[in-house]
N, C-alpha and C. Protein backbone atom coordinates (compact mmCIF):
# COMPACT_ATOMS: atom_id res chain seq x y z
N MET A 1 105.53 150.57 109.38
CA MET A 1 104.65 150.88 108.27
C MET A 1 104.84 152.36 107.96
N ARG A 2 105.14 152.64 106.73
CA ARG A 2 105.45 154.02 106.32
C ARG A 2 104.26 154.76 105.71
N CYS A 3 103.30 154.05 105.22
CA CYS A 3 102.19 154.66 104.49
C CYS A 3 101.13 155.18 105.47
N GLU A 4 101.03 156.50 105.55
CA GLU A 4 100.05 157.12 106.44
C GLU A 4 98.62 156.81 105.99
N ARG A 5 98.44 156.74 104.70
CA ARG A 5 97.10 156.43 104.18
C ARG A 5 96.67 155.04 104.62
N LEU A 6 97.55 154.06 104.52
CA LEU A 6 97.23 152.69 104.93
C LEU A 6 96.94 152.64 106.43
N ILE A 7 97.72 153.34 107.21
CA ILE A 7 97.50 153.37 108.66
C ILE A 7 96.10 153.91 108.96
N SER A 8 95.74 154.99 108.30
CA SER A 8 94.42 155.59 108.50
C SER A 8 93.31 154.63 108.06
N LEU A 9 93.49 153.99 106.91
CA LEU A 9 92.50 153.05 106.41
C LEU A 9 92.34 151.85 107.35
N ILE A 10 93.46 151.34 107.83
CA ILE A 10 93.41 150.18 108.73
C ILE A 10 92.64 150.52 110.00
N LYS A 11 92.89 151.70 110.54
CA LYS A 11 92.16 152.12 111.75
C LYS A 11 90.66 152.16 111.48
N SER A 12 90.30 152.75 110.35
CA SER A 12 88.89 152.85 109.99
C SER A 12 88.28 151.46 109.76
N TRP A 13 88.97 150.62 109.03
CA TRP A 13 88.48 149.27 108.76
C TRP A 13 88.36 148.46 110.04
N TYR A 14 89.34 148.61 110.93
CA TYR A 14 89.33 147.84 112.17
C TYR A 14 88.11 148.21 113.03
N ILE A 15 87.80 149.48 113.08
CA ILE A 15 86.61 149.92 113.81
C ILE A 15 85.36 149.29 113.19
N SER A 16 85.30 149.27 111.88
CA SER A 16 84.15 148.65 111.19
C SER A 16 84.05 147.16 111.51
N VAL A 17 85.19 146.48 111.59
CA VAL A 17 85.20 145.06 111.92
C VAL A 17 84.71 144.86 113.36
N LYS A 18 85.20 145.67 114.26
CA LYS A 18 84.79 145.55 115.66
C LYS A 18 83.30 145.84 115.85
N GLU A 19 82.77 146.76 115.06
CA GLU A 19 81.34 147.07 115.12
C GLU A 19 80.51 146.09 114.31
N GLU A 20 81.18 145.12 113.70
CA GLU A 20 80.55 144.08 112.88
C GLU A 20 79.82 144.64 111.67
N VAL A 21 80.36 145.73 111.16
CA VAL A 21 79.83 146.33 109.94
C VAL A 21 80.58 145.77 108.73
N MET A 22 81.81 145.33 108.97
CA MET A 22 82.67 144.79 107.91
C MET A 22 83.20 143.43 108.37
N ALA A 23 83.25 142.51 107.44
CA ALA A 23 83.82 141.19 107.72
C ALA A 23 85.33 141.28 107.80
N PRO A 24 85.96 140.53 108.70
CA PRO A 24 87.42 140.54 108.79
C PRO A 24 88.11 140.19 107.47
N ALA A 25 87.53 139.25 106.75
CA ALA A 25 88.12 138.85 105.47
C ALA A 25 88.13 140.02 104.49
N ARG A 26 87.10 140.83 104.53
CA ARG A 26 87.02 142.00 103.65
C ARG A 26 88.14 142.97 104.00
N MET A 27 88.37 143.17 105.30
CA MET A 27 89.44 144.08 105.72
C MET A 27 90.80 143.59 105.21
N VAL A 28 91.04 142.30 105.34
CA VAL A 28 92.31 141.74 104.87
C VAL A 28 92.44 141.92 103.36
N THR A 29 91.35 141.71 102.65
CA THR A 29 91.37 141.90 101.20
C THR A 29 91.69 143.35 100.84
N PHE A 30 91.07 144.28 101.55
CA PHE A 30 91.34 145.70 101.30
C PHE A 30 92.81 146.05 101.57
N MET A 31 93.35 145.52 102.66
CA MET A 31 94.76 145.78 102.97
C MET A 31 95.66 145.25 101.86
N GLU A 32 95.39 144.02 101.44
CA GLU A 32 96.20 143.40 100.38
C GLU A 32 96.12 144.20 99.08
N LYS A 33 94.92 144.63 98.73
CA LYS A 33 94.76 145.43 97.50
C LYS A 33 95.52 146.74 97.60
N HIS A 34 95.45 147.38 98.78
CA HIS A 34 96.14 148.66 98.95
C HIS A 34 97.65 148.49 98.80
N ILE A 35 98.21 147.51 99.50
CA ILE A 35 99.67 147.37 99.45
C ILE A 35 100.16 146.91 98.08
N ALA A 36 99.29 146.32 97.30
CA ALA A 36 99.68 145.88 95.95
C ALA A 36 99.71 147.04 94.96
N THR A 37 99.02 148.13 95.28
CA THR A 37 98.94 149.24 94.32
C THR A 37 99.57 150.54 94.81
N CYS A 38 99.85 150.64 96.09
CA CYS A 38 100.37 151.89 96.66
C CYS A 38 101.89 151.97 96.48
N PRO A 39 102.39 153.06 95.89
CA PRO A 39 103.84 153.21 95.69
C PRO A 39 104.62 153.22 97.00
N VAL A 40 104.07 153.84 98.03
CA VAL A 40 104.76 153.90 99.32
C VAL A 40 104.85 152.49 99.93
N CYS A 41 103.75 151.75 99.87
CA CYS A 41 103.74 150.39 100.42
C CYS A 41 104.64 149.45 99.63
N LEU A 42 104.68 149.63 98.32
CA LEU A 42 105.52 148.77 97.49
C LEU A 42 107.01 148.93 97.84
N GLU A 43 107.39 150.11 98.31
CA GLU A 43 108.78 150.36 98.68
C GLU A 43 109.09 149.96 100.12
N ASP A 44 108.07 149.72 100.91
CA ASP A 44 108.24 149.38 102.33
C ASP A 44 108.49 147.88 102.48
N PRO A 45 109.71 147.51 102.93
CA PRO A 45 110.02 146.08 103.05
C PRO A 45 109.29 145.39 104.21
N ASP A 46 108.79 146.13 105.16
CA ASP A 46 108.17 145.53 106.35
C ASP A 46 106.65 145.47 106.29
N VAL A 47 106.06 146.07 105.27
CA VAL A 47 104.61 146.18 105.25
C VAL A 47 103.91 144.82 105.22
N ARG A 48 104.42 143.87 104.50
CA ARG A 48 103.79 142.54 104.42
C ARG A 48 103.77 141.87 105.80
N GLU A 49 104.88 141.96 106.49
CA GLU A 49 104.97 141.37 107.83
C GLU A 49 103.97 142.03 108.78
N GLU A 50 103.84 143.33 108.69
CA GLU A 50 102.90 144.04 109.55
C GLU A 50 101.45 143.72 109.20
N VAL A 51 101.17 143.55 107.92
CA VAL A 51 99.81 143.15 107.50
C VAL A 51 99.50 141.76 108.03
N GLU A 52 100.48 140.86 108.04
CA GLU A 52 100.27 139.52 108.59
C GLU A 52 99.94 139.60 110.08
N LYS A 53 100.63 140.47 110.80
CA LYS A 53 100.35 140.65 112.23
C LYS A 53 98.94 141.18 112.44
N ILE A 54 98.54 142.14 111.63
CA ILE A 54 97.19 142.70 111.74
C ILE A 54 96.16 141.63 111.40
N THR A 55 96.45 140.82 110.40
CA THR A 55 95.55 139.73 110.03
C THR A 55 95.36 138.77 111.21
N ASP A 56 96.44 138.47 111.91
CA ASP A 56 96.35 137.59 113.08
C ASP A 56 95.49 138.21 114.18
N ILE A 57 95.54 139.52 114.30
CA ILE A 57 94.72 140.21 115.30
C ILE A 57 93.25 140.19 114.88
N VAL A 58 93.01 140.45 113.61
CA VAL A 58 91.64 140.51 113.10
C VAL A 58 91.00 139.13 113.07
N PHE A 59 91.77 138.12 112.70
CA PHE A 59 91.30 136.74 112.68
C PHE A 59 91.91 136.00 113.86
N PRO A 60 91.19 135.90 114.96
CA PRO A 60 91.73 135.12 116.08
C PRO A 60 91.99 133.68 115.64
N GLU A 61 92.88 133.01 116.36
CA GLU A 61 93.29 131.66 115.99
C GLU A 61 92.10 130.71 115.88
N ALA A 62 91.14 130.85 116.75
CA ALA A 62 89.98 129.95 116.71
C ALA A 62 89.24 130.09 115.39
N LYS A 63 89.10 131.32 114.92
CA LYS A 63 88.41 131.52 113.64
C LYS A 63 89.25 130.99 112.49
N GLN A 64 90.56 131.20 112.57
CA GLN A 64 91.43 130.69 111.51
C GLN A 64 91.38 129.17 111.49
N ALA A 65 91.42 128.55 112.67
CA ALA A 65 91.37 127.08 112.74
C ALA A 65 90.05 126.58 112.19
N ARG A 66 88.96 127.26 112.52
CA ARG A 66 87.64 126.87 112.02
C ARG A 66 87.59 126.99 110.50
N ALA A 67 88.12 128.09 109.98
CA ALA A 67 88.13 128.28 108.53
C ALA A 67 88.95 127.19 107.84
N LEU A 68 90.09 126.85 108.42
CA LEU A 68 90.92 125.79 107.85
C LEU A 68 90.21 124.44 107.94
N ALA A 69 89.52 124.20 109.06
CA ALA A 69 88.79 122.94 109.23
C ALA A 69 87.66 122.83 108.21
N LEU A 70 86.94 123.93 107.99
CA LEU A 70 85.87 123.91 106.99
C LEU A 70 86.42 123.66 105.60
N GLU A 71 87.56 124.27 105.30
CA GLU A 71 88.18 124.06 103.99
C GLU A 71 88.62 122.61 103.84
N ALA A 72 89.23 122.05 104.88
CA ALA A 72 89.68 120.66 104.83
C ALA A 72 88.49 119.71 104.69
N ALA A 73 87.40 120.01 105.39
CA ALA A 73 86.21 119.18 105.30
C ALA A 73 85.64 119.19 103.89
N ALA A 74 85.66 120.35 103.26
CA ALA A 74 85.15 120.44 101.89
C ALA A 74 86.01 119.61 100.95
N VAL A 75 87.32 119.65 101.13
CA VAL A 75 88.22 118.87 100.29
C VAL A 75 87.99 117.38 100.53
N ASP A 76 87.86 116.98 101.81
CA ASP A 76 87.62 115.56 102.13
C ASP A 76 86.31 115.08 101.51
N GLU A 77 85.27 115.92 101.61
CA GLU A 77 83.97 115.54 101.05
C GLU A 77 84.07 115.32 99.55
N GLU A 78 84.81 116.20 98.88
CA GLU A 78 84.98 116.06 97.43
C GLU A 78 85.75 114.79 97.11
N GLU A 79 86.82 114.51 97.87
CA GLU A 79 87.60 113.30 97.63
C GLU A 79 86.77 112.05 97.89
N ASN A 80 85.95 112.06 98.95
CA ASN A 80 85.09 110.91 99.24
C ASN A 80 84.08 110.70 98.13
N PHE A 81 83.53 111.77 97.59
CA PHE A 81 82.58 111.67 96.49
C PHE A 81 83.23 110.99 95.29
N VAL A 82 84.44 111.42 94.96
CA VAL A 82 85.17 110.84 93.82
C VAL A 82 85.47 109.37 94.11
N ASP A 83 85.89 109.05 95.34
CA ASP A 83 86.16 107.65 95.70
C ASP A 83 84.90 106.80 95.58
N ASP A 84 83.76 107.32 96.02
CA ASP A 84 82.50 106.59 95.92
C ASP A 84 82.15 106.30 94.46
N ILE A 85 82.35 107.29 93.61
CA ILE A 85 82.06 107.10 92.19
C ILE A 85 83.01 106.05 91.61
N ASP A 86 84.29 106.12 91.97
CA ASP A 86 85.25 105.13 91.49
C ASP A 86 84.86 103.72 91.94
N LYS A 87 84.45 103.59 93.19
CA LYS A 87 84.05 102.27 93.70
C LYS A 87 82.84 101.75 92.94
N GLU A 88 81.89 102.65 92.69
CA GLU A 88 80.66 102.25 91.99
C GLU A 88 80.96 101.83 90.56
N VAL A 89 81.86 102.56 89.91
CA VAL A 89 82.17 102.28 88.51
C VAL A 89 83.02 101.03 88.38
N PHE A 90 83.99 100.84 89.28
CA PHE A 90 84.95 99.76 89.12
C PHE A 90 84.66 98.54 89.98
N SER A 91 83.61 98.55 90.78
CA SER A 91 83.30 97.39 91.61
C SER A 91 82.43 96.41 90.84
N GLY A 92 82.31 95.23 91.38
CA GLY A 92 81.47 94.23 90.74
C GLY A 92 82.29 93.28 89.89
N ASP A 93 81.58 92.29 89.33
CA ASP A 93 82.29 91.29 88.55
C ASP A 93 82.28 91.59 87.05
N GLY A 94 81.71 92.72 86.70
CA GLY A 94 81.71 93.12 85.30
C GLY A 94 80.54 92.61 84.51
N ASP A 95 79.69 91.73 85.14
CA ASP A 95 78.51 91.21 84.45
C ASP A 95 77.45 92.30 84.36
N ILE A 96 76.80 92.37 83.23
CA ILE A 96 75.70 93.30 83.07
C ILE A 96 74.43 92.57 83.45
N ILE A 97 73.67 93.16 84.35
CA ILE A 97 72.42 92.55 84.76
C ILE A 97 71.26 93.35 84.19
N GLU A 98 70.08 92.75 84.24
CA GLU A 98 68.91 93.38 83.63
C GLU A 98 68.66 94.78 84.19
N GLU A 99 68.90 94.99 85.49
CA GLU A 99 68.67 96.30 86.10
C GLU A 99 69.53 97.39 85.46
N ASP A 100 70.70 96.99 84.97
CA ASP A 100 71.60 97.97 84.37
C ASP A 100 71.09 98.48 83.03
N ILE A 101 70.30 97.69 82.31
CA ILE A 101 69.93 98.08 80.96
C ILE A 101 68.45 98.31 80.75
N VAL A 102 67.62 98.01 81.73
CA VAL A 102 66.18 98.16 81.58
C VAL A 102 65.81 99.62 81.74
N SER A 103 65.08 100.15 80.76
CA SER A 103 64.59 101.52 80.86
C SER A 103 63.14 101.47 81.28
N ASP A 104 62.52 102.60 81.47
CA ASP A 104 61.12 102.66 81.86
C ASP A 104 60.24 101.94 80.84
N ASP A 105 60.50 102.16 79.57
CA ASP A 105 59.69 101.53 78.53
C ASP A 105 59.85 100.01 78.56
N ASP A 106 61.07 99.55 78.79
CA ASP A 106 61.32 98.11 78.84
C ASP A 106 60.60 97.47 80.01
N GLU A 107 60.55 98.16 81.15
CA GLU A 107 59.88 97.62 82.32
C GLU A 107 58.39 97.43 82.03
N ASN A 108 57.78 98.40 81.36
CA ASN A 108 56.37 98.27 81.02
C ASN A 108 56.13 97.09 80.11
N ASP A 109 57.03 96.87 79.16
CA ASP A 109 56.90 95.74 78.26
C ASP A 109 57.00 94.42 79.02
N LEU A 110 57.92 94.33 79.98
CA LEU A 110 58.10 93.11 80.74
C LEU A 110 56.90 92.85 81.62
N GLU A 111 56.29 93.91 82.17
CA GLU A 111 55.14 93.75 83.03
C GLU A 111 53.94 93.21 82.24
N ASN A 112 53.86 93.56 80.96
CA ASN A 112 52.76 93.12 80.13
C ASN A 112 52.99 91.73 79.53
N GLY A 113 54.09 91.12 79.91
CA GLY A 113 54.36 89.78 79.42
C GLY A 113 55.15 89.76 78.12
N GLU A 114 55.53 90.89 77.61
CA GLU A 114 56.27 90.94 76.37
C GLU A 114 57.78 90.84 76.70
N LYS A 115 58.51 90.16 75.87
CA LYS A 115 59.95 90.00 76.09
C LYS A 115 60.68 90.39 74.81
N ASP A 116 61.88 90.96 75.01
CA ASP A 116 62.71 91.28 73.85
C ASP A 116 63.28 89.97 73.30
N GLU A 117 63.28 89.85 72.01
CA GLU A 117 63.82 88.62 71.42
C GLU A 117 64.90 88.95 70.45
């Protein structure tokens, strides 16, 4: 890593992460933003690889696995929701039953003995 400023920032950010003043994700975001805008970092061919190594240190594997599991669970939940809606919409024999079309007003009319004709 050639950028002295980035090295200094990373040290400061890492201390904040260890003291639980800064979230690890925030530190990674700051590193990414810095290397995207810094002329010295843009010319350094190894900086991305080194940032990945630092990210692995900041995010232990257990936390990364948990984050990936939470993300996968969210995707599965969304897919299951869509599948449930598809089943509800496309299941059945296609017959319309009274429950499908009766509104609150219609129910009151039926309770009073009145029928639609």
